[in-house]
Amino acid sequence: MVTGGSRGIGAAISKALKDKGYTVAATYAGNDEAAASFTEETGIKTYKWNAADYEASKTGIAKVEEELGPIDIVVANAGITRDAPFHKMTPEQWKEVVDTNLTGVFNTVHPVWPGMRERGFGRVIVISSINGQKGQFGQVNYAATKAGDLGIVKSLAQEGASKGITANAICPGYIATDMVMAVPEKVREAIISQIPTGRLGEPEEIARCVAFLADDDAGFINGSTITANGGQFFV
């Protein structure tokens, strides 16, 4: 199951996992047209709920498992931004981002965790961000949640290890998604000038990281963070 799995990085992840032979469920929060188009293109079933809502997540996950079977791999990818300099940031902007990007990870993983423990296998993969590692102007809310996601992963790794569950994170840098490509060209050029590789990343490059962590071959990798940013920032 890939949250936010019908667009951008999430869509690339969903496709990569399907190509590896997994049965994939992609969730989305609001864009019905994009989800329908994605399903038509890929054959991957989509399910609609808001990751910020625990009961909606629990109900939606139950439906996925009823239709497709137990969820052994969960990719917590859904995320939003509500950017503003801190002195202008509203409590609503703070809460919206925290509810989706941080609490949303809890809402996504918590309902599937007991089943993973019972079956003795699970893969939890959380999509964090370079800005959760280094911070970013105008993104106090976003950076805080993405840093918090790394704390979730490190803790789940310790709790799940004896039950055959791994939990890892990926911190993408700037990726050529629709959102990034929509910014003014001068801004995009300024971003690229900070990346030693000299280009934006591709969604498929993040998807390959996910596919690796989901595989049995990655069973000894636990509590780790894969930094995929073209050399822009080192931890």
C-alpha atoms as a PDB file:
ATOM      1  CA  MET A   1       0.000   0.000   0.000  1.00  0.00           C
ATOM      2  CA  VAL A   2       1.372   3.369  -1.049  1.00  0.00           C
ATOM      3  CA  THR A   3      -0.240   6.473   0.422  1.00  0.00           C
ATOM      4  CA  GLY A   4      -0.367   9.374  -1.998  1.00  0.00           C
ATOM      5  CA  GLY A   5       0.367   6.672  -4.516  1.00  0.00           C
ATOM      6  CA  SER A   6      -1.383   7.948  -7.639  1.00  0.00           C
ATOM      7  CA  ARG A   7       0.691  11.063  -8.381  1.00  0.00           C
ATOM      8  CA  GLY A   8       4.309  12.237  -8.404  1.00  0.00           C
ATOM      9  CA  ILE A   9       6.828  10.197  -6.450  1.00  0.00           C
ATOM     10  CA  GLY A  10       4.013   8.022  -5.089  1.00  0.00           C
ATOM     11  CA  ALA A  11       2.886   7.035  -8.577  1.00  0.00           C
ATOM     12  CA  ALA A  12       6.434   6.058  -9.516  1.00  0.00           C
ATOM     13  CA  ILE A  13       6.668   3.960  -6.347  1.00  0.00           C
ATOM     14  CA  SER A  14       3.362   2.218  -7.050  1.00  0.00           C
ATOM     15  CA  LYS A  15       4.459   1.362 -10.588  1.00  0.00           C
ATOM     16  CA  ALA A  16       7.882   0.133  -9.491  1.00  0.00           C
ATOM     17  CA  LEU A  17       6.391  -2.194  -6.893  1.00  0.00           C
ATOM     18  CA  LYS A  18       3.863  -3.547  -9.381  1.00  0.00           C
ATOM     19  CA  ASP A  19       6.709  -4.183 -11.828  1.00  0.00           C
ATOM     20  CA  LYS A  20       8.419  -6.215  -9.093  1.00  0.00           C
ATOM     21  CA  GLY A  21       5.357  -8.457  -8.876  1.00  0.00           C
ATOM     22  CA  TYR A  22       3.606  -6.987  -5.846  1.00  0.00           C
ATOM     23  CA  THR A  23      -0.132  -6.409  -5.662  1.00  0.00           C
ATOM     24  CA  VAL A  24      -0.331  -2.663  -5.047  1.00  0.00           C
ATOM     25  CA  ALA A  25      -2.993  -0.420  -3.549  1.00  0.00           C
ATOM     26  CA  ALA A  26      -2.482   3.317  -4.076  1.00  0.00           C
ATOM     27  CA  THR A  27      -4.303   5.777  -1.840  1.00  0.00           C
ATOM     28  CA  TYR A  28      -5.150   9.383  -2.549  1.00  0.00           C
ATOM     29  CA  ALA A  29      -6.907  12.208  -0.741  1.00  0.00           C
ATOM     30  CA  GLY A  30      -8.806  14.258  -3.288  1.00  0.00           C
ATOM     31  CA  ASN A  31      -7.993  14.194  -6.989  1.00  0.00           C
ATOM     32  CA  ASP A  32     -10.522  11.708  -8.354  1.00  0.00           C
ATOM     33  CA  GLU A  33      -9.674  12.439 -11.975  1.00  0.00           C
ATOM     34  CA  ALA A  34      -5.956  11.794 -11.516  1.00  0.00           C
ATOM     35  CA  ALA A  35      -6.654   8.607  -9.567  1.00  0.00           C
ATOM     36  CA  ALA A  36      -9.004   7.266 -12.234  1.00  0.00           C
ATOM     37  CA  SER A  37      -6.480   8.071 -14.942  1.00  0.00           C
ATOM     38  CA  PHE A  38      -3.725   6.364 -12.951  1.00  0.00           C
ATOM     39  CA  THR A  39      -5.788   3.199 -12.515  1.00  0.00           C
ATOM     40  CA  GLU A  40      -6.701   3.155 -16.189  1.00  0.00           C
ATOM     41  CA  GLU A  41      -3.049   3.539 -17.168  1.00  0.00           C
ATOM     42  CA  THR A  42      -1.530   1.052 -14.718  1.00  0.00           C
ATOM     43  CA  GLY A  43      -4.268  -1.308 -13.542  1.00  0.00           C
ATOM     44  CA  ILE A  44      -3.362  -0.407  -9.936  1.00  0.00           C
ATOM     45  CA  LYS A  45      -6.418  -0.017  -7.711  1.00  0.00           C
ATOM     46  CA  THR A  46      -6.827   3.306  -5.945  1.00  0.00           C
ATOM     47  CA  TYR A  47      -8.550   4.010  -2.645  1.00  0.00           C
ATOM     48  CA  LYS A  48      -9.630   7.404  -1.362  1.00  0.00           C
ATOM     49  CA  TRP A  49      -9.157   8.643   2.164  1.00  0.00           C
ATOM     50  CA  ASN A  50      -7.382  11.390   4.076  1.00  0.00           C
ATOM     51  CA  ALA A  51      -4.246  10.106   5.824  1.00  0.00           C
ATOM     52  CA  ALA A  52      -4.725  12.804   8.456  1.00  0.00           C
ATOM     53  CA  ASP A  53      -7.899  11.047   9.664  1.00  0.00           C
ATOM     54  CA  TYR A  54      -7.254   7.944  11.780  1.00  0.00           C
ATOM     55  CA  GLU A  55     -10.725   6.418  11.477  1.00  0.00           C
ATOM     56  CA  ALA A  56     -10.799   7.018   7.723  1.00  0.00           C
ATOM     57  CA  SER A  57      -7.377   5.387   7.437  1.00  0.00           C
ATOM     58  CA  LYS A  58      -8.419   2.420   9.555  1.00  0.00           C
ATOM     59  CA  THR A  59     -11.610   1.906   7.529  1.00  0.00           C
ATOM     60  CA  GLY A  60      -9.808   2.340   4.212  1.00  0.00           C
ATOM     61  CA  ILE A  61      -7.033  -0.072   5.166  1.00  0.00           C
ATOM     62  CA  ALA A  62      -9.609  -2.658   6.206  1.00  0.00           C
ATOM     63  CA  LYS A  63     -11.212  -2.349   2.773  1.00  0.00           C
ATOM     64  CA  VAL A  64      -7.845  -2.776   1.029  1.00  0.00           C
ATOM     65  CA  GLU A  65      -7.106  -5.906   3.040  1.00  0.00           C
ATOM     66  CA  GLU A  66     -10.587  -7.278   2.403  1.00  0.00           C
ATOM     67  CA  GLU A  67     -10.179  -6.827  -1.359  1.00  0.00           C
ATOM     68  CA  LEU A  68      -6.460  -7.506  -1.879  1.00  0.00           C
ATOM     69  CA  GLY A  69      -5.246  -9.390   1.184  1.00  0.00           C
ATOM     70  CA  PRO A  70      -3.000  -8.555   4.150  1.00  0.00           C
ATOM     71  CA  ILE A  71      -0.723  -5.558   3.779  1.00  0.00           C
ATOM     72  CA  ASP A  72       2.898  -6.661   4.186  1.00  0.00           C
ATOM     73  CA  ILE A  73       4.530  -3.522   2.805  1.00  0.00           C
ATOM     74  CA  VAL A  74       3.390  -0.004   3.599  1.00  0.00           C
ATOM     75  CA  VAL A  75       4.901   3.096   2.028  1.00  0.00           C
ATOM     76  CA  ALA A  76       3.943   6.256   3.915  1.00  0.00           C
ATOM     77  CA  ASN A  77       4.400   8.782   1.140  1.00  0.00           C
ATOM     78  CA  ALA A  78       1.419  11.147   1.452  1.00  0.00           C
ATOM     79  CA  GLY A  79       2.464  14.676   2.288  1.00  0.00           C
ATOM     80  CA  ILE A  80       1.492  18.316   1.893  1.00  0.00           C
ATOM     81  CA  THR A  81       3.141  21.721   2.171  1.00  0.00           C
ATOM     82  CA  ARG A  82       1.751  24.946   3.590  1.00  0.00           C
ATOM     83  CA  ASP A  83       4.806  27.167   3.298  1.00  0.00           C
ATOM     84  CA  ALA A  84       5.239  30.498   5.040  1.00  0.00           C
ATOM     85  CA  PRO A  85       7.981  32.299   6.973  1.00  0.00           C
ATOM     86  CA  PHE A  86       7.609  31.392  10.634  1.00  0.00           C
ATOM     87  CA  HIS A  87       6.499  34.883  11.697  1.00  0.00           C
ATOM     88  CA  LYS A  88       3.646  34.656   9.179  1.00  0.00           C
ATOM     89  CA  MET A  89       2.778  30.990   9.675  1.00  0.00           C
ATOM     90  CA  THR A  90      -0.708  30.421  11.050  1.00  0.00           C
ATOM     91  CA  PRO A  91      -1.695  27.733  13.550  1.00  0.00           C
ATOM     92  CA  GLU A  92      -3.861  26.267  10.792  1.00  0.00           C
ATOM     93  CA  GLN A  93      -0.869  25.956   8.443  1.00  0.00           C
ATOM     94  CA  TRP A  94       1.109  24.276  11.202  1.00  0.00           C
ATOM     95  CA  LYS A  95      -1.682  21.864  12.120  1.00  0.00           C
ATOM     96  CA  GLU A  96      -2.560  20.856   8.550  1.00  0.00           C
ATOM     97  CA  VAL A  97       1.017  19.815   7.798  1.00  0.00           C
ATOM     98  CA  VAL A  98       1.518  18.054  11.129  1.00  0.00           C
ATOM     99  CA  ASP A  99      -1.772  16.185  10.751  1.00  0.00           C
ATOM    100  CA  THR A 100      -0.881  14.841   7.296  1.00  0.00           C
ATOM    101  CA  ASN A 101       2.895  14.453   7.297  1.00  0.00           C
ATOM    102  CA  LEU A 102       3.491  13.296  10.867  1.00  0.00           C
ATOM    103  CA  THR A 103       0.248  12.043  12.377  1.00  0.00           C
ATOM    104  CA  GLY A 104      -0.586  10.647   8.934  1.00  0.00           C
ATOM    105  CA  VAL A 105       2.349   8.242   9.250  1.00  0.00           C
ATOM    106  CA  PHE A 106       0.959   7.003  12.563  1.00  0.00           C
ATOM    107  CA  ASN A 107      -2.501   6.680  11.006  1.00  0.00           C
ATOM    108  CA  THR A 108      -1.060   4.689   8.093  1.00  0.00           C
ATOM    109  CA  VAL A 109       1.209   2.312   9.982  1.00  0.00           C
ATOM    110  CA  HIS A 110      -0.704   1.761  13.231  1.00  0.00           C
ATOM    111  CA  PRO A 111      -3.630  -0.201  11.699  1.00  0.00           C
ATOM    112  CA  VAL A 112      -1.326  -2.602   9.788  1.00  0.00           C
ATOM    113  CA  TRP A 113       1.238  -3.076  12.567  1.00  0.00           C
ATOM    114  CA  PRO A 114      -0.618  -5.813  14.526  1.00  0.00           C
ATOM    115  CA  GLY A 115      -1.035  -7.921  11.376  1.00  0.00           C
ATOM    116  CA  MET A 116       2.638  -7.583  10.520  1.00  0.00           C
ATOM    117  CA  ARG A 117       3.596  -8.663  14.045  1.00  0.00           C
ATOM    118  CA  GLU A 118       1.247 -11.618  13.909  1.00  0.00           C
ATOM    119  CA  ARG A 119       2.539 -12.813  10.517  1.00  0.00           C
ATOM    120  CA  GLY A 120       6.178 -12.236  11.435  1.00  0.00           C
ATOM    121  CA  PHE A 121       6.952 -10.011   8.468  1.00  0.00           C
ATOM    122  CA  GLY A 122       6.591  -6.393   7.449  1.00  0.00           C
ATOM    123  CA  ARG A 123       8.198  -3.540   5.591  1.00  0.00           C
ATOM    124  CA  VAL A 124       7.540   0.040   6.664  1.00  0.00           C
ATOM    125  CA  ILE A 125       9.034   2.657   4.355  1.00  0.00           C
ATOM    126  CA  VAL A 126       8.521   6.338   5.114  1.00  0.00           C
ATOM    127  CA  ILE A 127       9.218   9.065   2.561  1.00  0.00           C
ATOM    128  CA  SER A 128      10.811  11.910   4.492  1.00  0.00           C
ATOM    129  CA  SER A 129      12.738  14.781   2.856  1.00  0.00           C
ATOM    130  CA  ILE A 130      16.075  16.525   2.586  1.00  0.00           C
ATOM    131  CA  ASN A 131      14.383  19.408   4.366  1.00  0.00           C
ATOM    132  CA  GLY A 132      13.707  17.195   7.359  1.00  0.00           C
ATOM    133  CA  GLN A 133      17.466  16.729   7.587  1.00  0.00           C
ATOM    134  CA  LYS A 134      18.697  20.284   7.014  1.00  0.00           C
ATOM    135  CA  GLY A 135      15.641  22.503   7.507  1.00  0.00           C
ATOM    136  CA  GLN A 136      14.399  25.058   4.983  1.00  0.00           C
ATOM    137  CA  PHE A 137      13.354  28.700   4.998  1.00  0.00           C
ATOM    138  CA  GLY A 138       9.571  28.992   5.064  1.00  0.00           C
ATOM    139  CA  GLN A 139       9.086  25.349   5.996  1.00  0.00           C
ATOM    140  CA  VAL A 140       9.270  25.144   9.772  1.00  0.00           C
ATOM    141  CA  ASN A 141       6.109  23.036   9.757  1.00  0.00           C
ATOM    142  CA  TYR A 142       7.184  20.743   6.896  1.00  0.00           C
ATOM    143  CA  ALA A 143      10.761  20.305   8.144  1.00  0.00           C
ATOM    144  CA  ALA A 144       9.532  19.487  11.646  1.00  0.00           C
ATOM    145  CA  THR A 145       7.232  16.752  10.387  1.00  0.00           C
ATOM    146  CA  LYS A 146       9.810  15.217   8.072  1.00  0.00           C
ATOM    147  CA  ALA A 147      12.381  15.191  10.884  1.00  0.00           C
ATOM    148  CA  GLY A 148       9.753  13.624  13.128  1.00  0.00           C
ATOM    149  CA  ASP A 149       9.168  10.909  10.543  1.00  0.00           C
ATOM    150  CA  LEU A 150      12.800   9.837  10.991  1.00  0.00           C
ATOM    151  CA  GLY A 151      12.179   9.454  14.724  1.00  0.00           C
ATOM    152  CA  ILE A 152       9.163   7.259  13.990  1.00  0.00           C
ATOM    153  CA  VAL A 153      11.263   5.024  11.741  1.00  0.00           C
ATOM    154  CA  LYS A 154      14.110   4.608  14.237  1.00  0.00           C
ATOM    155  CA  SER A 155      11.664   3.673  16.995  1.00  0.00           C
ATOM    156  CA  LEU A 156       9.579   1.290  14.884  1.00  0.00           C
ATOM    157  CA  ALA A 157      12.763  -0.419  13.725  1.00  0.00           C
ATOM    158  CA  GLN A 158      13.585  -1.327  17.306  1.00  0.00           C
ATOM    159  CA  GLU A 159      10.057  -2.437  18.147  1.00  0.00           C
ATOM    160  CA  GLY A 160       9.535  -4.499  14.997  1.00  0.00           C
ATOM    161  CA  ALA A 161      12.910  -6.170  14.544  1.00  0.00           C
ATOM    162  CA  SER A 162      12.157  -9.254  16.644  1.00  0.00           C
ATOM    163  CA  LYS A 163       8.929  -9.758  14.661  1.00  0.00           C
ATOM    164  CA  GLY A 164      10.555  -9.668  11.237  1.00  0.00           C
ATOM    165  CA  ILE A 165       9.504  -6.084  10.533  1.00  0.00           C
ATOM    166  CA  THR A 166      11.857  -3.441   9.194  1.00  0.00           C
ATOM    167  CA  ALA A 167      11.259   0.291   9.161  1.00  0.00           C
ATOM    168  CA  ASN A 168      13.361   2.602   7.011  1.00  0.00           C
ATOM    169  CA  ALA A 169      13.162   6.100   5.561  1.00  0.00           C
ATOM    170  CA  ILE A 170      14.080   7.739   2.298  1.00  0.00           C
ATOM    171  CA  CYS A 171      14.952  11.427   2.165  1.00  0.00           C
ATOM    172  CA  PRO A 172      14.573  12.652  -1.410  1.00  0.00           C
ATOM    173  CA  GLY A 173      16.171  15.878  -2.496  1.00  0.00           C
ATOM    174  CA  TYR A 174      14.574  17.975  -5.205  1.00  0.00           C
ATOM    175  CA  ILE A 175      12.736  15.704  -7.621  1.00  0.00           C
ATOM    176  CA  ALA A 176      11.272  16.552 -11.026  1.00  0.00           C
ATOM    177  CA  THR A 177       7.632  16.209 -10.002  1.00  0.00           C
ATOM    178  CA  ASP A 178       4.817  18.360 -11.379  1.00  0.00           C
ATOM    179  CA  MET A 179       5.028  20.537  -8.265  1.00  0.00           C
ATOM    180  CA  VAL A 180       8.736  21.290  -8.704  1.00  0.00           C
ATOM    181  CA  MET A 181       8.483  21.709 -12.469  1.00  0.00           C
ATOM    182  CA  ALA A 182       5.693  24.260 -11.963  1.00  0.00           C
ATOM    183  CA  VAL A 183       7.927  26.739 -10.120  1.00  0.00           C
ATOM    184  CA  PRO A 184       9.382  29.603 -12.171  1.00  0.00           C
ATOM    185  CA  GLU A 185      12.367  28.584 -14.293  1.00  0.00           C
ATOM    186  CA  LYS A 186      14.727  30.961 -12.470  1.00  0.00           C
ATOM    187  CA  VAL A 187      13.793  29.406  -9.138  1.00  0.00           C
ATOM    188  CA  ARG A 188      14.294  25.935 -10.585  1.00  0.00           C
ATOM    189  CA  GLU A 189      17.691  26.936 -11.940  1.00  0.00           C
ATOM    190  CA  ALA A 190      18.659  28.268  -8.518  1.00  0.00           C
ATOM    191  CA  ILE A 191      17.699  24.941  -6.950  1.00  0.00           C
ATOM    192  CA  ILE A 192      19.676  22.945  -9.508  1.00  0.00           C
ATOM    193  CA  SER A 193      22.734  25.154  -8.968  1.00  0.00           C
ATOM    194  CA  GLN A 194      22.880  23.833  -5.379  1.00  0.00           C
ATOM    195  CA  ILE A 195      22.881  20.175  -6.486  1.00  0.00           C
ATOM    196  CA  PRO A 196      26.378  18.837  -7.262  1.00  0.00           C
ATOM    197  CA  THR A 197      24.919  16.296  -9.701  1.00  0.00           C
ATOM    198  CA  GLY A 198      23.645  19.254 -11.721  1.00  0.00           C
ATOM    199  CA  ARG A 199      20.069  18.093 -12.186  1.00  0.00           C
ATOM    200  CA  LEU A 200      16.826  17.298 -10.423  1.00  0.00           C
ATOM    201  CA  GLY A 201      16.195  13.726  -9.378  1.00  0.00           C
ATOM    202  CA  GLU A 202      13.635  11.579 -11.152  1.00  0.00           C
ATOM    203  CA  PRO A 203      10.659  10.026  -9.314  1.00  0.00           C
ATOM    204  CA  GLU A 204      11.775   6.612 -10.583  1.00  0.00           C
ATOM    205  CA  GLU A 205      15.071   6.997  -8.714  1.00  0.00           C
ATOM    206  CA  ILE A 206      13.207   7.276  -5.420  1.00  0.00           C
ATOM    207  CA  ALA A 207      10.961   4.393  -6.443  1.00  0.00           C
ATOM    208  CA  ARG A 208      13.993   2.147  -6.949  1.00  0.00           C
ATOM    209  CA  CYS A 209      15.102   2.916  -3.392  1.00  0.00           C
ATOM    210  CA  VAL A 210      11.674   1.837  -2.137  1.00  0.00           C
ATOM    211  CA  ALA A 211      11.719  -1.357  -4.193  1.00  0.00           C
ATOM    212  CA  PHE A 212      15.098  -2.245  -2.706  1.00  0.00           C
ATOM    213  CA  LEU A 213      13.975  -1.685   0.895  1.00  0.00           C
ATOM    214  CA  ALA A 214      10.815  -3.719   0.285  1.00  0.00           C
ATOM    215  CA  ASP A 215      12.770  -6.730  -0.950  1.00  0.00           C
ATOM    216  CA  ASP A 216      13.765  -9.725   1.158  1.00  0.00           C
ATOM    217  CA  ASP A 217      17.397  -8.888   0.368  1.00  0.00           C
ATOM    218  CA  ALA A 218      17.071  -5.751   2.525  1.00  0.00           C
ATOM    219  CA  GLY A 219      16.030  -7.660   5.639  1.00  0.00           C
ATOM    220  CA  PHE A 220      19.105  -6.607   7.651  1.00  0.00           C
ATOM    221  CA  ILE A 221      18.632  -2.914   6.853  1.00  0.00           C
ATOM    222  CA  ASN A 222      16.539  -1.478   9.642  1.00  0.00           C
ATOM    223  CA  GLY A 223      16.140   1.994  11.100  1.00  0.00           C
ATOM    224  CA  SER A 224      18.151   3.468   8.245  1.00  0.00           C
ATOM    225  CA  THR A 225      17.752   6.554   6.097  1.00  0.00           C
ATOM    226  CA  ILE A 226      18.607   6.509   2.407  1.00  0.00           C
ATOM    227  CA  THR A 227      19.604  10.012   1.346  1.00  0.00           C
ATOM    228  CA  ALA A 228      18.854  10.515  -2.357  1.00  0.00           C
ATOM    229  CA  ASN A 229      19.629  14.135  -3.174  1.00  0.00           C
ATOM    230  CA  GLY A 230      22.401  14.222  -5.785  1.00  0.00           C
ATOM    231  CA  GLY A 231      25.010  15.189  -3.200  1.00  0.00           C
ATOM    232  CA  GLN A 232      23.211  18.351  -2.077  1.00  0.00           C
ATOM    233  CA  PHE A 233      23.341  17.520   1.621  1.00  0.00           C
ATOM    234  CA  PHE A 234      25.228  14.950   3.691  1.00  0.00           C
ATOM    235  CA  VAL A 235      24.264  13.600   7.102  1.00  0.00           C
END
